[in-house]
Amino acid sequence: FTSDQIKDLIERKNSLGGIFDIDNKIFFVKKEEEKTQASDFWNDSKEAEKHLKNISSIKKWITEFEIVNNNVDDLEILYDFYKDKQATEDEIVEKFNITKSSIEIESVLYS
């Protein structure tokens, strides 16, 4: 098990965040949620529902990306423990596989 494998996952996670512009998505959701507070928001219920579905879809992606991000962070910390012999190879391999799977799922679902 090498640090290069972890660096690869970090780069893949960063690519996901950049390709899908995570910061703008978060900003967009906040802005769009503010619109739902308008007194006339439900005047056109079909448009309102469409608007809410769009927000929900983007929020789902943000949540999934946050899971990937947390997995990568946890893997980095666990790898430091592994190097200090405070974690086993089995633990690091398991976390690596979980992290890799979450990145691959995210890449497939939202590309």
PDB file of N, CA and C in Angstrom:
ATOM      1  N   PHE A   1       0.840  -1.167   0.000  1.00  0.00           N
ATOM      2  CA  PHE A   1       0.000   0.000   0.000  1.00  0.00           C
ATOM      3  C   PHE A   1       0.887   1.231   0.000  1.00  0.00           C
ATOM      4  N   THR A   2       0.603   2.191  -0.897  1.00  0.00           N
ATOM      5  CA  THR A   2       1.489   3.347  -1.022  1.00  0.00           C
ATOM      6  C   THR A   2       0.742   4.672  -0.856  1.00  0.00           C
ATOM      7  N   SER A   3       1.515   5.679  -0.537  1.00  0.00           N
ATOM      8  CA  SER A   3       0.941   7.020  -0.427  1.00  0.00           C
ATOM      9  C   SER A   3       0.495   7.526  -1.795  1.00  0.00           C
ATOM     10  N   ASP A   4       1.102   7.018  -2.865  1.00  0.00           N
ATOM     11  CA  ASP A   4       0.690   7.420  -4.218  1.00  0.00           C
ATOM     12  C   ASP A   4      -0.754   7.012  -4.512  1.00  0.00           C
ATOM     13  N   GLN A   5      -1.166   5.881  -3.987  1.00  0.00           N
ATOM     14  CA  GLN A   5      -2.554   5.446  -4.176  1.00  0.00           C
ATOM     15  C   GLN A   5      -3.519   6.417  -3.492  1.00  0.00           C
ATOM     16  N   ILE A   6      -3.132   6.886  -2.331  1.00  0.00           N
ATOM     17  CA  ILE A   6      -3.969   7.856  -1.621  1.00  0.00           C
ATOM     18  C   ILE A   6      -3.955   9.192  -2.357  1.00  0.00           C
ATOM     19  N   LYS A   7      -2.790   9.610  -2.820  1.00  0.00           N
ATOM     20  CA  LYS A   7      -2.692  10.866  -3.585  1.00  0.00           C
ATOM     21  C   LYS A   7      -3.579  10.810  -4.823  1.00  0.00           C
ATOM     22  N   ASP A   8      -3.638   9.644  -5.452  1.00  0.00           N
ATOM     23  CA  ASP A   8      -4.494   9.480  -6.629  1.00  0.00           C
ATOM     24  C   ASP A   8      -5.963   9.716  -6.266  1.00  0.00           C
ATOM     25  N   LEU A   9      -6.395   9.154  -5.144  1.00  0.00           N
ATOM     26  CA  LEU A   9      -7.783   9.362  -4.710  1.00  0.00           C
ATOM     27  C   LEU A   9      -8.044  10.822  -4.362  1.00  0.00           C
ATOM     28  N   ILE A  10      -7.073  11.470  -3.747  1.00  0.00           N
ATOM     29  CA  ILE A  10      -7.218  12.892  -3.423  1.00  0.00           C
ATOM     30  C   ILE A  10      -7.379  13.701  -4.703  1.00  0.00           C
ATOM     31  N   GLU A  11      -6.561  13.402  -5.700  1.00  0.00           N
ATOM     32  CA  GLU A  11      -6.654  14.103  -6.983  1.00  0.00           C
ATOM     33  C   GLU A  11      -7.992  13.850  -7.659  1.00  0.00           C
ATOM     34  N   ARG A  12      -8.466  12.622  -7.583  1.00  0.00           N
ATOM     35  CA  ARG A  12      -9.764  12.297  -8.179  1.00  0.00           C
ATOM     36  C   ARG A  12     -10.894  13.037  -7.470  1.00  0.00           C
ATOM     37  N   LYS A  13     -10.814  13.104  -6.140  1.00  0.00           N
ATOM     38  CA  LYS A  13     -11.817  13.851  -5.368  1.00  0.00           C
ATOM     39  C   LYS A  13     -11.776  15.321  -5.738  1.00  0.00           C
ATOM     40  N   ASN A  14     -10.568  15.883  -5.830  1.00  0.00           N
ATOM     41  CA  ASN A  14     -10.431  17.291  -6.198  1.00  0.00           C
ATOM     42  C   ASN A  14     -10.964  17.554  -7.599  1.00  0.00           C
ATOM     43  N   SER A  15     -10.752  16.605  -8.492  1.00  0.00           N
ATOM     44  CA  SER A  15     -11.279  16.744  -9.853  1.00  0.00           C
ATOM     45  C   SER A  15     -12.799  16.772  -9.845  1.00  0.00           C
ATOM     46  N   LEU A  16     -13.395  15.895  -9.042  1.00  0.00           N
ATOM     47  CA  LEU A  16     -14.856  15.887  -8.934  1.00  0.00           C
ATOM     48  C   LEU A  16     -15.370  17.242  -8.462  1.00  0.00           C
ATOM     49  N   GLY A  17     -14.746  17.766  -7.434  1.00  0.00           N
ATOM     50  CA  GLY A  17     -15.165  19.055  -6.897  1.00  0.00           C
ATOM     51  C   GLY A  17     -14.999  20.170  -7.911  1.00  0.00           C
ATOM     52  N   GLY A  18     -13.929  20.099  -8.694  1.00  0.00           N
ATOM     53  CA  GLY A  18     -13.680  21.128  -9.699  1.00  0.00           C
ATOM     54  C   GLY A  18     -14.550  20.981 -10.924  1.00  0.00           C
ATOM     55  N   ILE A  19     -14.635  19.775 -11.442  1.00  0.00           N
ATOM     56  CA  ILE A  19     -15.431  19.528 -12.646  1.00  0.00           C
ATOM     57  C   ILE A  19     -16.880  19.906 -12.416  1.00  0.00           C
ATOM     58  N   PHE A  20     -17.384  19.533 -11.268  1.00  0.00           N
ATOM     59  CA  PHE A  20     -18.791  19.786 -10.980  1.00  0.00           C
ATOM     60  C   PHE A  20     -19.002  21.065 -10.182  1.00  0.00           C
ATOM     61  N   ASP A  21     -17.922  21.835  -9.998  1.00  0.00           N
ATOM     62  CA  ASP A  21     -17.982  23.172  -9.414  1.00  0.00           C
ATOM     63  C   ASP A  21     -18.776  23.196  -8.111  1.00  0.00           C
ATOM     64  N   ILE A  22     -18.290  22.471  -7.138  1.00  0.00           N
ATOM     65  CA  ILE A  22     -18.998  22.292  -5.872  1.00  0.00           C
ATOM     66  C   ILE A  22     -19.320  23.620  -5.185  1.00  0.00           C
ATOM     67  N   ASP A  23     -18.377  24.554  -5.189  1.00  0.00           N
ATOM     68  CA  ASP A  23     -18.616  25.832  -4.507  1.00  0.00           C
ATOM     69  C   ASP A  23     -19.778  26.590  -5.120  1.00  0.00           C
ATOM     70  N   ASN A  24     -19.845  26.609  -6.434  1.00  0.00           N
ATOM     71  CA  ASN A  24     -20.962  27.287  -7.092  1.00  0.00           C
ATOM     72  C   ASN A  24     -22.280  26.555  -6.863  1.00  0.00           C
ATOM     73  N   LYS A  25     -22.234  25.249  -6.780  1.00  0.00           N
ATOM     74  CA  LYS A  25     -23.458  24.487  -6.501  1.00  0.00           C
ATOM     75  C   LYS A  25     -24.001  24.846  -5.114  1.00  0.00           C
ATOM     76  N   ILE A  26     -23.123  24.936  -4.149  1.00  0.00           N
ATOM     77  CA  ILE A  26     -23.547  25.292  -2.795  1.00  0.00           C
ATOM     78  C   ILE A  26     -24.147  26.693  -2.792  1.00  0.00           C
ATOM     79  N   PHE A  27     -23.483  27.619  -3.456  1.00  0.00           N
ATOM     80  CA  PHE A  27     -23.989  28.988  -3.539  1.00  0.00           C
ATOM     81  C   PHE A  27     -25.334  29.024  -4.262  1.00  0.00           C
ATOM     82  N   PHE A  28     -25.438  28.293  -5.359  1.00  0.00           N
ATOM     83  CA  PHE A  28     -26.672  28.239  -6.143  1.00  0.00           C
ATOM     84  C   PHE A  28     -27.839  27.731  -5.299  1.00  0.00           C
ATOM     85  N   VAL A  29     -27.617  26.671  -4.550  1.00  0.00           N
ATOM     86  CA  VAL A  29     -28.676  26.098  -3.716  1.00  0.00           C
ATOM     87  C   VAL A  29     -29.153  27.116  -2.688  1.00  0.00           C
ATOM     88  N   LYS A  30     -28.227  27.799  -2.049  1.00  0.00           N
ATOM     89  CA  LYS A  30     -28.614  28.809  -1.056  1.00  0.00           C
ATOM     90  C   LYS A  30     -29.471  29.897  -1.699  1.00  0.00           C
ATOM     91  N   LYS A  31     -29.047  30.349  -2.868  1.00  0.00           N
ATOM     92  CA  LYS A  31     -29.790  31.382  -3.578  1.00  0.00           C
ATOM     93  C   LYS A  31     -31.181  30.895  -3.981  1.00  0.00           C
ATOM     94  N   GLU A  32     -31.241  29.689  -4.492  1.00  0.00           N
ATOM     95  CA  GLU A  32     -32.514  29.135  -4.944  1.00  0.00           C
ATOM     96  C   GLU A  32     -33.451  28.842  -3.767  1.00  0.00           C
ATOM     97  N   GLU A  33     -32.892  28.433  -2.642  1.00  0.00           N
ATOM     98  CA  GLU A  33     -33.723  28.199  -1.457  1.00  0.00           C
ATOM     99  C   GLU A  33     -34.324  29.507  -0.953  1.00  0.00           C
ATOM    100  N   GLU A  34     -33.598  30.589  -1.094  1.00  0.00           N
ATOM    101  CA  GLU A  34     -34.145  31.894  -0.703  1.00  0.00           C
ATOM    102  C   GLU A  34     -35.393  32.228  -1.523  1.00  0.00           C
ATOM    103  N   LYS A  35     -35.377  31.852  -2.777  1.00  0.00           N
ATOM    104  CA  LYS A  35     -36.531  32.120  -3.647  1.00  0.00           C
ATOM    105  C   LYS A  35     -37.788  31.402  -3.148  1.00  0.00           C
ATOM    106  N   THR A  36     -37.606  30.267  -2.491  1.00  0.00           N
ATOM    107  CA  THR A  36     -38.761  29.507  -2.019  1.00  0.00           C
ATOM    108  C   THR A  36     -39.464  30.201  -0.857  1.00  0.00           C
ATOM    109  N   GLN A  37     -38.814  31.187  -0.281  1.00  0.00           N
ATOM    110  CA  GLN A  37     -39.401  31.924   0.840  1.00  0.00           C
ATOM    111  C   GLN A  37     -40.305  33.071   0.379  1.00  0.00           C
ATOM    112  N   ALA A  38     -40.311  33.353  -0.909  1.00  0.00           N
ATOM    113  CA  ALA A  38     -41.137  34.443  -1.432  1.00  0.00           C
ATOM    114  C   ALA A  38     -42.619  34.113  -1.237  1.00  0.00           C
ATOM    115  N   SER A  39     -43.394  35.127  -0.962  1.00  0.00           N
ATOM    116  CA  SER A  39     -44.825  34.927  -0.684  1.00  0.00           C
ATOM    117  C   SER A  39     -45.584  34.375  -1.896  1.00  0.00           C
ATOM    118  N   ASP A  40     -45.082  34.655  -3.095  1.00  0.00           N
ATOM    119  CA  ASP A  40     -45.777  34.179  -4.296  1.00  0.00           C
ATOM    120  C   ASP A  40     -45.170  32.897  -4.875  1.00  0.00           C
ATOM    121  N   PHE A  41     -44.292  32.264  -4.122  1.00  0.00           N
ATOM    122  CA  PHE A  41     -43.599  31.076  -4.633  1.00  0.00           C
ATOM    123  C   PHE A  41     -44.568  29.988  -5.090  1.00  0.00           C
ATOM    124  N   TRP A  42     -45.633  29.755  -4.335  1.00  0.00           N
ATOM    125  CA  TRP A  42     -46.554  28.662  -4.650  1.00  0.00           C
ATOM    126  C   TRP A  42     -47.701  29.086  -5.572  1.00  0.00           C
ATOM    127  N   ASN A  43     -47.649  30.281  -6.122  1.00  0.00           N
ATOM    128  CA  ASN A  43     -48.699  30.716  -7.049  1.00  0.00           C
ATOM    129  C   ASN A  43     -48.788  29.798  -8.264  1.00  0.00           C
ATOM    130  N   ASP A  44     -47.650  29.314  -8.717  1.00  0.00           N
ATOM    131  CA  ASP A  44     -47.606  28.343  -9.810  1.00  0.00           C
ATOM    132  C   ASP A  44     -47.026  27.062  -9.211  1.00  0.00           C
ATOM    133  N   SER A  45     -47.906  26.194  -8.745  1.00  0.00           N
ATOM    134  CA  SER A  45     -47.454  25.017  -7.998  1.00  0.00           C
ATOM    135  C   SER A  45     -46.579  24.080  -8.826  1.00  0.00           C
ATOM    136  N   LYS A  46     -46.856  23.970 -10.132  1.00  0.00           N
ATOM    137  CA  LYS A  46     -46.028  23.084 -10.969  1.00  0.00           C
ATOM    138  C   LYS A  46     -44.604  23.621 -11.077  1.00  0.00           C
ATOM    139  N   GLU A  47     -44.476  24.920 -11.271  1.00  0.00           N
ATOM    140  CA  GLU A  47     -43.139  25.525 -11.329  1.00  0.00           C
ATOM    141  C   GLU A  47     -42.445  25.423  -9.978  1.00  0.00           C
ATOM    142  N   ALA A  48     -43.196  25.618  -8.920  1.00  0.00           N
ATOM    143  CA  ALA A  48     -42.628  25.523  -7.571  1.00  0.00           C
ATOM    144  C   ALA A  48     -42.091  24.116  -7.313  1.00  0.00           C
ATOM    145  N   GLU A  49     -42.860  23.117  -7.693  1.00  0.00           N
ATOM    146  CA  GLU A  49     -42.422  21.730  -7.513  1.00  0.00           C
ATOM    147  C   GLU A  49     -41.183  21.431  -8.351  1.00  0.00           C
ATOM    148  N   LYS A  50     -41.173  21.919  -9.570  1.00  0.00           N
ATOM    149  CA  LYS A  50     -40.009  21.722 -10.443  1.00  0.00           C
ATOM    150  C   LYS A  50     -38.769  22.384  -9.819  1.00  0.00           C
ATOM    151  N   HIS A  51     -38.962  23.562  -9.291  1.00  0.00           N
ATOM    152  CA  HIS A  51     -37.879  24.307  -8.642  1.00  0.00           C
ATOM    153  C   HIS A  51     -37.337  23.522  -7.442  1.00  0.00           C
ATOM    154  N   LEU A  52     -38.234  23.003  -6.623  1.00  0.00           N
ATOM    155  CA  LEU A  52     -37.822  22.240  -5.446  1.00  0.00           C
ATOM    156  C   LEU A  52     -37.118  20.941  -5.820  1.00  0.00           C
ATOM    157  N   LYS A  53     -37.575  20.288  -6.877  1.00  0.00           N
ATOM    158  CA  LYS A  53     -36.910  19.062  -7.336  1.00  0.00           C
ATOM    159  C   LYS A  53     -35.492  19.357  -7.809  1.00  0.00           C
ATOM    160  N   ASN A  54     -35.327  20.479  -8.495  1.00  0.00           N
ATOM    161  CA  ASN A  54     -34.002  20.876  -8.963  1.00  0.00           C
ATOM    162  C   ASN A  54     -33.069  21.125  -7.767  1.00  0.00           C
ATOM    163  N   ILE A  55     -33.562  21.837  -6.780  1.00  0.00           N
ATOM    164  CA  ILE A  55     -32.771  22.094  -5.570  1.00  0.00           C
ATOM    165  C   ILE A  55     -32.419  20.773  -4.892  1.00  0.00           C
ATOM    166  N   SER A  56     -33.385  19.896  -4.778  1.00  0.00           N
ATOM    167  CA  SER A  56     -33.171  18.605  -4.131  1.00  0.00           C
ATOM    168  C   SER A  56     -32.106  17.785  -4.853  1.00  0.00           C
ATOM    169  N   SER A  57     -32.155  17.793  -6.161  1.00  0.00           N
ATOM    170  CA  SER A  57     -31.188  17.048  -6.959  1.00  0.00           C
ATOM    171  C   SER A  57     -29.764  17.560  -6.719  1.00  0.00           C
ATOM    172  N   ILE A  58     -29.608  18.856  -6.703  1.00  0.00           N
ATOM    173  CA  ILE A  58     -28.287  19.443  -6.486  1.00  0.00           C
ATOM    174  C   ILE A  58     -27.822  19.198  -5.053  1.00  0.00           C
ATOM    175  N   LYS A  59     -28.735  19.296  -4.095  1.00  0.00           N
ATOM    176  CA  LYS A  59     -28.378  19.033  -2.701  1.00  0.00           C
ATOM    177  C   LYS A  59     -27.931  17.587  -2.516  1.00  0.00           C
ATOM    178  N   LYS A  60     -28.562  16.678  -3.237  1.00  0.00           N
ATOM    179  CA  LYS A  60     -28.172  15.270  -3.162  1.00  0.00           C
ATOM    180  C   LYS A  60     -26.730  15.107  -3.643  1.00  0.00           C
ATOM    181  N   TRP A  61     -26.402  15.767  -4.747  1.00  0.00           N
ATOM    182  CA  TRP A  61     -25.040  15.685  -5.262  1.00  0.00           C
ATOM    183  C   TRP A  61     -24.057  16.269  -4.254  1.00  0.00           C
ATOM    184  N   ILE A  62     -24.397  17.406  -3.664  1.00  0.00           N
ATOM    185  CA  ILE A  62     -23.525  18.039  -2.673  1.00  0.00           C
ATOM    186  C   ILE A  62     -23.301  17.088  -1.499  1.00  0.00           C
ATOM    187  N   THR A  63     -24.363  16.456  -1.029  1.00  0.00           N
ATOM    188  CA  THR A  63     -24.252  15.513   0.086  1.00  0.00           C
ATOM    189  C   THR A  63     -23.344  14.345  -0.278  1.00  0.00           C
ATOM    190  N   GLU A  64     -23.529  13.811  -1.478  1.00  0.00           N
ATOM    191  CA  GLU A  64     -22.681  12.697  -1.924  1.00  0.00           C
ATOM    192  C   GLU A  64     -21.226  13.131  -2.041  1.00  0.00           C
ATOM    193  N   PHE A  65     -20.993  14.339  -2.539  1.00  0.00           N
ATOM    194  CA  PHE A  65     -19.622  14.837  -2.632  1.00  0.00           C
ATOM    195  C   PHE A  65     -19.021  15.000  -1.241  1.00  0.00           C
ATOM    196  N   GLU A  66     -19.802  15.479  -0.289  1.00  0.00           N
ATOM    197  CA  GLU A  66     -19.313  15.630   1.077  1.00  0.00           C
ATOM    198  C   GLU A  66     -18.927  14.276   1.676  1.00  0.00           C
ATOM    199  N   ILE A  67     -19.666  13.236   1.328  1.00  0.00           N
ATOM    200  CA  ILE A  67     -19.309  11.882   1.782  1.00  0.00           C
ATOM    201  C   ILE A  67     -17.949  11.493   1.210  1.00  0.00           C
ATOM    202  N   VAL A  68     -17.759  11.735  -0.084  1.00  0.00           N
ATOM    203  CA  VAL A  68     -16.466  11.441  -0.719  1.00  0.00           C
ATOM    204  C   VAL A  68     -15.367  12.235  -0.017  1.00  0.00           C
ATOM    205  N   ASN A  69     -15.610  13.509   0.180  1.00  0.00           N
ATOM    206  CA  ASN A  69     -14.623  14.376   0.811  1.00  0.00           C
ATOM    207  C   ASN A  69     -14.263  13.877   2.211  1.00  0.00           C
ATOM    208  N   ASN A  70     -15.262  13.505   2.984  1.00  0.00           N
ATOM    209  CA  ASN A  70     -15.018  12.978   4.331  1.00  0.00           C
ATOM    210  C   ASN A  70     -14.264  11.657   4.296  1.00  0.00           C
ATOM    211  N   ASN A  71     -14.609  10.803   3.336  1.00  0.00           N
ATOM    212  CA  ASN A  71     -13.892   9.528   3.200  1.00  0.00           C
ATOM    213  C   ASN A  71     -12.412   9.762   2.899  1.00  0.00           C
ATOM    214  N   VAL A  72     -12.130  10.697   2.009  1.00  0.00           N
ATOM    215  CA  VAL A  72     -10.738  10.998   1.664  1.00  0.00           C
ATOM    216  C   VAL A  72     -10.007  11.553   2.890  1.00  0.00           C
ATOM    217  N   ASP A  73     -10.641  12.480   3.596  1.00  0.00           N
ATOM    218  CA  ASP A  73     -10.021  13.035   4.809  1.00  0.00           C
ATOM    219  C   ASP A  73      -9.740  11.939   5.831  1.00  0.00           C
ATOM    220  N   ASP A  74     -10.714  11.072   6.043  1.00  0.00           N
ATOM    221  CA  ASP A  74     -10.542   9.970   6.996  1.00  0.00           C
ATOM    222  C   ASP A  74      -9.421   9.029   6.563  1.00  0.00           C
ATOM    223  N   LEU A  75      -9.344   8.776   5.269  1.00  0.00           N
ATOM    224  CA  LEU A  75      -8.293   7.901   4.750  1.00  0.00           C
ATOM    225  C   LEU A  75      -6.913   8.513   4.996  1.00  0.00           C
ATOM    226  N   GLU A  76      -6.784   9.804   4.766  1.00  0.00           N
ATOM    227  CA  GLU A  76      -5.497  10.464   5.012  1.00  0.00           C
ATOM    228  C   GLU A  76      -5.090  10.347   6.479  1.00  0.00           C
ATOM    229  N   ILE A  77      -6.033  10.558   7.375  1.00  0.00           N
ATOM    230  CA  ILE A  77      -5.749  10.469   8.810  1.00  0.00           C
ATOM    231  C   ILE A  77      -5.391   9.036   9.190  1.00  0.00           C
ATOM    232  N   LEU A  78      -6.165   8.090   8.673  1.00  0.00           N
ATOM    233  CA  LEU A  78      -5.888   6.685   8.974  1.00  0.00           C
ATOM    234  C   LEU A  78      -4.519   6.279   8.435  1.00  0.00           C
ATOM    235  N   TYR A  79      -4.148   6.806   7.277  1.00  0.00           N
ATOM    236  CA  TYR A  79      -2.838   6.484   6.708  1.00  0.00           C
ATOM    237  C   TYR A  79      -1.719   6.998   7.622  1.00  0.00           C
ATOM    238  N   ASP A  80      -1.919   8.189   8.202  1.00  0.00           N
ATOM    239  CA  ASP A  80      -0.926   8.691   9.159  1.00  0.00           C
ATOM    240  C   ASP A  80      -0.818   7.750  10.355  1.00  0.00           C
ATOM    241  N   PHE A  81      -1.955   7.272  10.840  1.00  0.00           N
ATOM    242  CA  PHE A  81      -1.935   6.294  11.941  1.00  0.00           C
ATOM    243  C   PHE A  81      -1.232   5.007  11.509  1.00  0.00           C
ATOM    244  N   TYR A  82      -1.496   4.594  10.285  1.00  0.00           N
ATOM    245  CA  TYR A  82      -0.870   3.377   9.746  1.00  0.00           C
ATOM    246  C   TYR A  82       0.655   3.531   9.714  1.00  0.00           C
ATOM    247  N   LYS A  83       1.125   4.678   9.250  1.00  0.00           N
ATOM    248  CA  LYS A  83       2.571   4.917   9.192  1.00  0.00           C
ATOM    249  C   LYS A  83       3.187   4.898  10.588  1.00  0.00           C
ATOM    250  N   ASP A  84       2.407   5.339  11.583  1.00  0.00           N
ATOM    251  CA  ASP A  84       2.882   5.324  12.972  1.00  0.00           C
ATOM    252  C   ASP A  84       2.588   3.996  13.674  1.00  0.00           C
ATOM    253  N   LYS A  85       2.135   3.022  12.897  1.00  0.00           N
ATOM    254  CA  LYS A  85       1.820   1.682  13.395  1.00  0.00           C
ATOM    255  C   LYS A  85       0.686   1.689  14.430  1.00  0.00           C
ATOM    256  N   GLN A  86      -0.232   2.644  14.273  1.00  0.00           N
ATOM    257  CA  GLN A  86      -1.391   2.718  15.156  1.00  0.00           C
ATOM    258  C   GLN A  86      -2.659   2.240  14.449  1.00  0.00           C
ATOM    259  N   ALA A  87      -2.510   1.820  13.212  1.00  0.00           N
ATOM    260  CA  ALA A  87      -3.614   1.228  12.451  1.00  0.00           C
ATOM    261  C   ALA A  87      -3.036   0.072  11.651  1.00  0.00           C
ATOM    262  N   THR A  88      -3.887  -0.899  11.372  1.00  0.00           N
ATOM    263  CA  THR A  88      -3.414  -2.084  10.644  1.00  0.00           C
ATOM    264  C   THR A  88      -3.536  -1.887   9.141  1.00  0.00           C
ATOM    265  N   GLU A  89      -2.839  -2.724   8.420  1.00  0.00           N
ATOM    266  CA  GLU A  89      -2.933  -2.688   6.964  1.00  0.00           C
ATOM    267  C   GLU A  89      -4.355  -3.027   6.520  1.00  0.00           C
ATOM    268  N   ASP A  90      -4.983  -3.959   7.208  1.00  0.00           N
ATOM    269  CA  ASP A  90      -6.365  -4.311   6.874  1.00  0.00           C
ATOM    270  C   ASP A  90      -7.291  -3.101   7.000  1.00  0.00           C
ATOM    271  N   GLU A  91      -7.102  -2.308   8.041  1.00  0.00           N
ATOM    272  CA  GLU A  91      -7.935  -1.115   8.243  1.00  0.00           C
ATOM    273  C   GLU A  91      -7.737  -0.104   7.118  1.00  0.00           C
ATOM    274  N   ILE A  92      -6.488   0.106   6.739  1.00  0.00           N
ATOM    275  CA  ILE A  92      -6.200   1.092   5.694  1.00  0.00           C
ATOM    276  C   ILE A  92      -6.706   0.601   4.342  1.00  0.00           C
ATOM    277  N   VAL A  93      -6.562  -0.674   4.078  1.00  0.00           N
ATOM    278  CA  VAL A  93      -7.052  -1.240   2.818  1.00  0.00           C
ATOM    279  C   VAL A  93      -8.576  -1.143   2.750  1.00  0.00           C
ATOM    280  N   GLU A  94      -9.240  -1.450   3.844  1.00  0.00           N
ATOM    281  CA  GLU A  94     -10.702  -1.356   3.873  1.00  0.00           C
ATOM    282  C   GLU A  94     -11.168   0.084   3.623  1.00  0.00           C
ATOM    283  N   LYS A  95     -10.540   1.039   4.301  1.00  0.00           N
ATOM    284  CA  LYS A  95     -10.933   2.445   4.129  1.00  0.00           C
ATOM    285  C   LYS A  95     -10.588   2.923   2.725  1.00  0.00           C
ATOM    286  N   PHE A  96      -9.477   2.474   2.189  1.00  0.00           N
ATOM    287  CA  PHE A  96      -9.094   2.826   0.822  1.00  0.00           C
ATOM    288  C   PHE A  96     -10.158   2.339  -0.159  1.00  0.00           C
ATOM    289  N   ASN A  97     -10.590   1.093   0.004  1.00  0.00           N
ATOM    290  CA  ASN A  97     -11.595   0.526  -0.904  1.00  0.00           C
ATOM    291  C   ASN A  97     -12.931   1.251  -0.795  1.00  0.00           C
ATOM    292  N   ILE A  98     -13.322   1.596   0.420  1.00  0.00           N
ATOM    293  CA  ILE A  98     -14.569   2.345   0.619  1.00  0.00           C
ATOM    294  C   ILE A  98     -14.473   3.704  -0.058  1.00  0.00           C
ATOM    295  N   THR A  99     -13.350   4.365   0.135  1.00  0.00           N
ATOM    296  CA  THR A  99     -13.145   5.694  -0.449  1.00  0.00           C
ATOM    297  C   THR A  99     -13.125   5.625  -1.969  1.00  0.00           C
ATOM    298  N   LYS A 100     -12.410   4.677  -2.492  1.00  0.00           N
ATOM    299  CA  LYS A 100     -12.325   4.507  -3.944  1.00  0.00           C
ATOM    300  C   LYS A 100     -13.712   4.242  -4.535  1.00  0.00           C
ATOM    301  N   SER A 101     -14.476   3.371  -3.880  1.00  0.00           N
ATOM    302  CA  SER A 101     -15.837   3.065  -4.357  1.00  0.00           C
ATOM    303  C   SER A 101     -16.718   4.301  -4.342  1.00  0.00           C
ATOM    304  N   SER A 102     -16.631   5.096  -3.278  1.00  0.00           N
ATOM    305  CA  SER A 102     -17.480   6.286  -3.192  1.00  0.00           C
ATOM    306  C   SER A 102     -17.124   7.281  -4.293  1.00  0.00           C
ATOM    307  N   ILE A 103     -15.849   7.401  -4.624  1.00  0.00           N
ATOM    308  CA  ILE A 103     -15.428   8.297  -5.711  1.00  0.00           C
ATOM    309  C   ILE A 103     -15.925   7.767  -7.045  1.00  0.00           C
ATOM    310  N   GLU A 104     -15.803   6.467  -7.259  1.00  0.00           N
ATOM    311  CA  GLU A 104     -16.235   5.885  -8.533  1.00  0.00           C
ATOM    312  C   GLU A 104     -17.742   6.001  -8.710  1.00  0.00           C
ATOM    313  N   ILE A 105     -18.481   5.769  -7.655  1.00  0.00           N
ATOM    314  CA  ILE A 105     -19.947   5.907  -7.733  1.00  0.00           C
ATOM    315  C   ILE A 105     -20.332   7.338  -8.052  1.00  0.00           C
ATOM    316  N   GLU A 106     -19.703   8.275  -7.361  1.00  0.00           N
ATOM    317  CA  GLU A 106     -19.967   9.696  -7.588  1.00  0.00           C
ATOM    318  C   GLU A 106     -19.636  10.084  -9.030  1.00  0.00           C
ATOM    319  N   SER A 107     -18.520   9.581  -9.530  1.00  0.00           N
ATOM    320  CA  SER A 107     -18.111   9.895 -10.900  1.00  0.00           C
ATOM    321  C   SER A 107     -19.122   9.381 -11.914  1.00  0.00           C
ATOM    322  N   VAL A 108     -19.611   8.176 -11.709  1.00  0.00           N
ATOM    323  CA  VAL A 108     -20.555   7.565 -12.640  1.00  0.00           C
ATOM    324  C   VAL A 108     -21.927   8.219 -12.551  1.00  0.00           C
ATOM    325  N   LEU A 109     -22.409   8.439 -11.341  1.00  0.00           N
ATOM    326  CA  LEU A 109     -23.744   8.977 -11.164  1.00  0.00           C
ATOM    327  C   LEU A 109     -23.895  10.402 -11.660  1.00  0.00           C
ATOM    328  N   TYR A 110     -22.875  11.196 -11.504  1.00  0.00           N
ATOM    329  CA  TYR A 110     -23.034  12.618 -11.771  1.00  0.00           C
ATOM    330  C   TYR A 110     -22.143  13.135 -12.882  1.00  0.00           C
ATOM    331  N   SER A 111     -21.729  12.243 -13.758  1.00  0.00           N
ATOM    332  CA  SER A 111     -20.946  12.721 -14.893  1.00  0.00           C
ATOM    333  C   SER A 111     -21.807  12.840 -16.127  1.00  0.00           C
TER     334      SER A 111
END
